[in-house]
Amino acid sequence: MPDSFSMLDKRIQSVLQELKFKETPIHEKQIPQIISGRNVLLIAPTGIGKTEAALMPVLHNFLQKPSKGIGAETAVRLLVRMRKTEKELFKNTLEAQKTFLKTKKYWK
């Protein structure tokens, strides 16, 4: 198990092992920072692992420090919903752009 992943809750580690999830440099550098409570800004090309680097420590903290708040399960549902909304927004933007390009000649 890579060093940054070994810092995570055992339940997260088992899922990562089962999925054969590979550590990337952004995971290695940022997971320890986020677990320690530091604020970070993750900037990297698509497909590098920014979302996982940000969410795994958050889930780790939920699992390690149960609160009277929303709880890990609800938080995961909210995060998944946010990702879905983000995808829907992107899809709608692309569709609007295609429609605009098709009708561009009428906008002059």
N, C-alpha and C. Protein backbone atom coordinates (compact mmCIF):
# COMPACT_ATOMS: atom_id res chain seq x y z
N MET A 1 0.86 -1.18 0.00
CA MET A 1 0.00 0.00 0.00
C MET A 1 0.90 1.24 0.00
N PRO A 2 0.68 2.16 -0.96
CA PRO A 2 1.48 3.39 -1.00
C PRO A 2 1.37 4.16 0.31
N ASP A 3 2.39 4.96 0.58
CA ASP A 3 2.45 5.68 1.86
C ASP A 3 1.23 6.55 2.14
N SER A 4 0.80 7.33 1.15
CA SER A 4 -0.33 8.23 1.43
C SER A 4 -1.62 7.43 1.67
N PHE A 5 -1.79 6.32 0.97
CA PHE A 5 -2.98 5.49 1.16
C PHE A 5 -2.95 4.81 2.53
N SER A 6 -1.76 4.51 3.04
CA SER A 6 -1.66 3.85 4.34
C SER A 6 -2.08 4.77 5.48
N MET A 7 -2.19 6.07 5.21
CA MET A 7 -2.65 7.03 6.21
C MET A 7 -4.17 7.00 6.35
N LEU A 8 -4.85 6.43 5.36
CA LEU A 8 -6.31 6.44 5.32
C LEU A 8 -6.91 5.35 6.19
N ASP A 9 -8.16 5.53 6.55
CA ASP A 9 -8.91 4.54 7.33
C ASP A 9 -8.80 3.17 6.67
N LYS A 10 -8.72 2.13 7.48
CA LYS A 10 -8.56 0.75 6.97
C LYS A 10 -9.66 0.36 5.99
N ARG A 11 -10.86 0.87 6.20
CA ARG A 11 -11.97 0.54 5.29
C ARG A 11 -11.74 1.13 3.91
N ILE A 12 -11.18 2.33 3.86
CA ILE A 12 -10.85 2.95 2.57
C ILE A 12 -9.70 2.18 1.93
N GLN A 13 -8.71 1.81 2.73
CA GLN A 13 -7.58 1.05 2.21
C GLN A 13 -8.03 -0.27 1.57
N SER A 14 -8.96 -0.95 2.21
CA SER A 14 -9.42 -2.23 1.66
C SER A 14 -10.11 -2.04 0.32
N VAL A 15 -10.88 -0.96 0.18
CA VAL A 15 -11.54 -0.69 -1.10
C VAL A 15 -10.49 -0.36 -2.16
N LEU A 16 -9.51 0.45 -1.81
CA LEU A 16 -8.45 0.80 -2.75
C LEU A 16 -7.69 -0.44 -3.22
N GLN A 17 -7.42 -1.35 -2.29
CA GLN A 17 -6.73 -2.59 -2.66
C GLN A 17 -7.60 -3.45 -3.56
N GLU A 18 -8.86 -3.57 -3.23
CA GLU A 18 -9.78 -4.38 -4.03
C GLU A 18 -9.90 -3.83 -5.45
N LEU A 19 -9.91 -2.52 -5.58
CA LEU A 19 -10.03 -1.89 -6.90
C LEU A 19 -8.69 -1.77 -7.62
N LYS A 20 -7.60 -2.19 -6.93
CA LYS A 20 -6.24 -2.06 -7.48
C LYS A 20 -5.96 -0.61 -7.88
N PHE A 21 -6.36 0.30 -7.02
CA PHE A 21 -6.22 1.73 -7.26
C PHE A 21 -4.76 2.14 -7.12
N LYS A 22 -4.24 2.84 -8.09
CA LYS A 22 -2.84 3.25 -8.11
C LYS A 22 -2.68 4.68 -7.59
N GLU A 23 -1.66 4.87 -6.79
CA GLU A 23 -1.35 6.19 -6.26
C GLU A 23 -0.70 7.04 -7.35
N THR A 24 -1.08 8.31 -7.42
CA THR A 24 -0.46 9.25 -8.34
C THR A 24 0.29 10.30 -7.52
N PRO A 25 1.15 11.08 -8.16
CA PRO A 25 1.89 12.11 -7.40
C PRO A 25 0.99 13.08 -6.64
N ILE A 26 -0.17 13.41 -7.19
CA ILE A 26 -1.06 14.34 -6.48
C ILE A 26 -1.61 13.68 -5.21
N HIS A 27 -1.87 12.38 -5.25
CA HIS A 27 -2.31 11.67 -4.03
C HIS A 27 -1.19 11.71 -3.00
N GLU A 28 0.00 11.38 -3.44
CA GLU A 28 1.17 11.29 -2.56
C GLU A 28 1.42 12.62 -1.84
N LYS A 29 1.28 13.72 -2.58
CA LYS A 29 1.59 15.03 -2.00
C LYS A 29 0.45 15.63 -1.20
N GLN A 30 -0.79 15.40 -1.64
CA GLN A 30 -1.90 16.16 -1.06
C GLN A 30 -2.70 15.42 0.00
N ILE A 31 -2.80 14.10 -0.07
CA ILE A 31 -3.58 13.37 0.94
C ILE A 31 -3.07 13.66 2.35
N PRO A 32 -1.75 13.59 2.59
CA PRO A 32 -1.29 13.91 3.96
C PRO A 32 -1.61 15.34 4.38
N GLN A 33 -1.54 16.28 3.43
CA GLN A 33 -1.85 17.67 3.74
C GLN A 33 -3.31 17.84 4.15
N ILE A 34 -4.20 17.20 3.40
CA ILE A 34 -5.64 17.34 3.67
C ILE A 34 -6.01 16.64 4.98
N ILE A 35 -5.44 15.45 5.21
CA ILE A 35 -5.70 14.74 6.46
C ILE A 35 -5.28 15.59 7.66
N SER A 36 -4.16 16.30 7.51
CA SER A 36 -3.66 17.12 8.62
C SER A 36 -4.48 18.38 8.84
N GLY A 37 -5.43 18.65 7.93
CA GLY A 37 -6.31 19.79 8.11
C GLY A 37 -5.91 21.04 7.34
N ARG A 38 -4.87 20.93 6.54
CA ARG A 38 -4.44 22.09 5.75
C ARG A 38 -5.39 22.32 4.58
N ASN A 39 -5.55 23.55 4.20
CA ASN A 39 -6.31 23.91 3.01
C ASN A 39 -5.38 23.79 1.82
N VAL A 40 -5.86 23.15 0.77
CA VAL A 40 -5.04 22.98 -0.42
C VAL A 40 -5.86 23.33 -1.66
N LEU A 41 -5.17 23.69 -2.70
CA LEU A 41 -5.78 23.94 -4.00
C LEU A 41 -5.16 22.94 -4.96
N LEU A 42 -5.99 22.06 -5.51
CA LEU A 42 -5.49 21.00 -6.39
C LEU A 42 -5.66 21.44 -7.85
N ILE A 43 -4.55 21.62 -8.53
CA ILE A 43 -4.58 22.00 -9.94
C ILE A 43 -3.73 20.99 -10.70
N ALA A 44 -4.37 20.29 -11.61
CA ALA A 44 -3.68 19.29 -12.41
C ALA A 44 -4.54 18.97 -13.62
N PRO A 45 -3.93 18.36 -14.65
CA PRO A 45 -4.71 17.98 -15.83
C PRO A 45 -5.80 16.96 -15.49
N THR A 46 -6.75 16.84 -16.38
CA THR A 46 -7.83 15.87 -16.23
C THR A 46 -7.26 14.46 -16.12
N GLY A 47 -7.85 13.66 -15.24
CA GLY A 47 -7.48 12.26 -15.12
C GLY A 47 -6.29 11.98 -14.21
N ILE A 48 -5.83 12.97 -13.47
CA ILE A 48 -4.67 12.80 -12.60
C ILE A 48 -5.07 12.28 -11.22
N GLY A 49 -6.31 12.53 -10.81
CA GLY A 49 -6.77 12.04 -9.52
C GLY A 49 -7.08 13.11 -8.50
N LYS A 50 -7.39 14.32 -8.96
CA LYS A 50 -7.68 15.41 -8.03
C LYS A 50 -8.89 15.10 -7.15
N THR A 51 -9.95 14.60 -7.75
CA THR A 51 -11.17 14.34 -6.98
C THR A 51 -10.90 13.32 -5.88
N GLU A 52 -10.22 12.24 -6.23
CA GLU A 52 -9.91 11.21 -5.22
C GLU A 52 -8.97 11.77 -4.16
N ALA A 53 -7.99 12.56 -4.57
CA ALA A 53 -7.04 13.14 -3.61
C ALA A 53 -7.76 14.03 -2.60
N ALA A 54 -8.82 14.69 -3.04
CA ALA A 54 -9.56 15.56 -2.13
C ALA A 54 -10.58 14.80 -1.30
N LEU A 55 -11.26 13.83 -1.91
CA LEU A 55 -12.36 13.15 -1.22
C LEU A 55 -11.90 12.06 -0.26
N MET A 56 -10.85 11.33 -0.60
CA MET A 56 -10.43 10.23 0.29
C MET A 56 -10.09 10.73 1.70
N PRO A 57 -9.34 11.83 1.85
CA PRO A 57 -9.09 12.33 3.21
C PRO A 57 -10.34 12.83 3.92
N VAL A 58 -11.27 13.40 3.16
CA VAL A 58 -12.52 13.86 3.76
C VAL A 58 -13.30 12.67 4.30
N LEU A 59 -13.41 11.61 3.48
CA LEU A 59 -14.09 10.39 3.93
C LEU A 59 -13.36 9.78 5.12
N HIS A 60 -12.03 9.79 5.07
CA HIS A 60 -11.22 9.29 6.19
C HIS A 60 -11.61 10.03 7.48
N ASN A 61 -11.67 11.36 7.40
CA ASN A 61 -12.00 12.14 8.59
C ASN A 61 -13.42 11.86 9.08
N PHE A 62 -14.36 11.68 8.16
CA PHE A 62 -15.73 11.31 8.56
C PHE A 62 -15.72 9.98 9.32
N LEU A 63 -14.97 9.02 8.80
CA LEU A 63 -14.93 7.69 9.41
C LEU A 63 -14.19 7.68 10.74
N GLN A 64 -13.19 8.52 10.86
CA GLN A 64 -12.40 8.57 12.09
C GLN A 64 -13.05 9.37 13.20
N LYS A 65 -13.81 10.37 12.82
CA LYS A 65 -14.40 11.28 13.81
C LYS A 65 -15.91 11.37 13.58
N PRO A 66 -16.65 10.35 13.97
CA PRO A 66 -18.10 10.41 13.79
C PRO A 66 -18.66 11.65 14.49
N SER A 67 -19.58 12.30 13.82
CA SER A 67 -20.15 13.52 14.41
C SER A 67 -21.66 13.37 14.54
N LYS A 68 -22.26 14.34 15.16
CA LYS A 68 -23.71 14.35 15.28
C LYS A 68 -24.33 15.01 14.06
N GLY A 69 -23.49 15.39 13.11
CA GLY A 69 -23.95 16.07 11.90
C GLY A 69 -24.50 15.09 10.89
N ILE A 70 -24.23 15.37 9.62
CA ILE A 70 -24.85 14.60 8.56
C ILE A 70 -24.31 13.17 8.42
N GLY A 71 -23.08 12.92 8.82
CA GLY A 71 -22.52 11.58 8.74
C GLY A 71 -21.93 11.27 7.36
N ALA A 72 -21.08 10.27 7.33
CA ALA A 72 -20.33 9.94 6.12
C ALA A 72 -21.24 9.50 4.98
N GLU A 73 -22.22 8.68 5.27
CA GLU A 73 -23.09 8.15 4.21
C GLU A 73 -23.83 9.28 3.50
N THR A 74 -24.39 10.19 4.27
CA THR A 74 -25.11 11.32 3.69
C THR A 74 -24.15 12.22 2.93
N ALA A 75 -22.96 12.44 3.47
CA ALA A 75 -21.98 13.29 2.79
C ALA A 75 -21.59 12.70 1.44
N VAL A 76 -21.40 11.39 1.40
CA VAL A 76 -21.05 10.74 0.13
C VAL A 76 -22.18 10.91 -0.86
N ARG A 77 -23.40 10.76 -0.42
CA ARG A 77 -24.55 10.96 -1.32
C ARG A 77 -24.58 12.38 -1.86
N LEU A 78 -24.30 13.35 -1.00
CA LEU A 78 -24.29 14.74 -1.45
C LEU A 78 -23.17 14.98 -2.47
N LEU A 79 -21.99 14.41 -2.20
CA LEU A 79 -20.87 14.59 -3.13
C LEU A 79 -21.16 13.93 -4.47
N VAL A 80 -21.76 12.76 -4.45
CA VAL A 80 -22.12 12.09 -5.70
C VAL A 80 -23.13 12.93 -6.46
N ARG A 81 -24.09 13.47 -5.75
CA ARG A 81 -25.09 14.32 -6.39
C ARG A 81 -24.44 15.55 -7.00
N MET A 82 -23.49 16.15 -6.30
CA MET A 82 -22.79 17.31 -6.83
C MET A 82 -22.07 16.95 -8.12
N ARG A 83 -21.43 15.79 -8.16
CA ARG A 83 -20.72 15.36 -9.37
C ARG A 83 -21.72 15.17 -10.51
N LYS A 84 -22.87 14.58 -10.19
CA LYS A 84 -23.88 14.36 -11.22
C LYS A 84 -24.37 15.70 -11.76
N THR A 85 -24.61 16.65 -10.87
CA THR A 85 -25.05 17.97 -11.28
C THR A 85 -24.00 18.64 -12.15
N GLU A 86 -22.73 18.47 -11.77
CA GLU A 86 -21.64 19.04 -12.56
C GLU A 86 -21.64 18.45 -13.96
N LYS A 87 -21.84 17.14 -14.07
CA LYS A 87 -21.88 16.48 -15.37
C LYS A 87 -23.08 16.96 -16.18
N GLU A 88 -24.23 17.10 -15.52
CA GLU A 88 -25.43 17.59 -16.21
C GLU A 88 -25.22 19.01 -16.72
N LEU A 89 -24.60 19.85 -15.91
CA LEU A 89 -24.33 21.22 -16.32
C LEU A 89 -23.42 21.24 -17.54
N PHE A 90 -22.37 20.42 -17.50
CA PHE A 90 -21.43 20.34 -18.62
C PHE A 90 -22.16 19.86 -19.88
N LYS A 91 -22.97 18.83 -19.73
CA LYS A 91 -23.72 18.28 -20.86
C LYS A 91 -24.67 19.33 -21.44
N ASN A 92 -25.39 20.04 -20.58
CA ASN A 92 -26.31 21.08 -21.03
C ASN A 92 -25.57 22.22 -21.73
N THR A 93 -24.38 22.56 -21.22
CA THR A 93 -23.58 23.60 -21.85
C THR A 93 -23.16 23.19 -23.25
N LEU A 94 -22.73 21.93 -23.40
CA LEU A 94 -22.34 21.44 -24.72
C LEU A 94 -23.53 21.43 -25.68
N GLU A 95 -24.68 21.01 -25.20
CA GLU A 95 -25.87 20.98 -26.04
C GLU A 95 -26.27 22.40 -26.47
N ALA A 96 -26.16 23.35 -25.56
CA ALA A 96 -26.48 24.74 -25.89
C ALA A 96 -25.49 25.28 -26.92
N GLN A 97 -24.24 24.92 -26.76
CA GLN A 97 -23.22 25.36 -27.72
C GLN A 97 -23.49 24.79 -29.11
N LYS A 98 -23.85 23.50 -29.18
CA LYS A 98 -24.16 22.87 -30.47
C LYS A 98 -25.36 23.56 -31.12
N THR A 99 -26.38 23.83 -30.31
CA THR A 99 -27.57 24.50 -30.83
C THR A 99 -27.21 25.89 -31.35
N PHE A 100 -26.40 26.61 -30.60
CA PHE A 100 -25.97 27.94 -31.03
C PHE A 100 -25.22 27.86 -32.35
N LEU A 101 -24.28 26.91 -32.46
CA LEU A 101 -23.50 26.79 -33.69
C LEU A 101 -24.38 26.43 -34.88
N LYS A 102 -25.39 25.61 -34.66
CA LYS A 102 -26.30 25.24 -35.75
C LYS A 102 -27.14 26.43 -36.21
N THR A 103 -27.46 27.32 -35.27
CA THR A 103 -28.36 28.44 -35.60
C THR A 103 -27.60 29.75 -35.72
N LYS A 104 -26.29 29.70 -35.71
CA LYS A 104 -25.46 30.92 -35.70
C LYS A 104 -25.81 31.86 -36.86
N LYS A 105 -26.09 31.30 -38.03
CA LYS A 105 -26.37 32.15 -39.18
C LYS A 105 -27.60 33.02 -38.97
N TYR A 106 -28.49 32.62 -38.07
CA TYR A 106 -29.68 33.39 -37.80
C TYR A 106 -29.46 34.50 -36.77
N TRP A 107 -28.31 34.52 -36.15
CA TRP A 107 -28.03 35.48 -35.07
C TRP A 107 -27.36 36.75 -35.58
N LYS A 108 -27.11 36.85 -36.85
CA LYS A 108 -26.42 38.03 -37.40
C LYS A 108 -27.36 39.18 -37.58
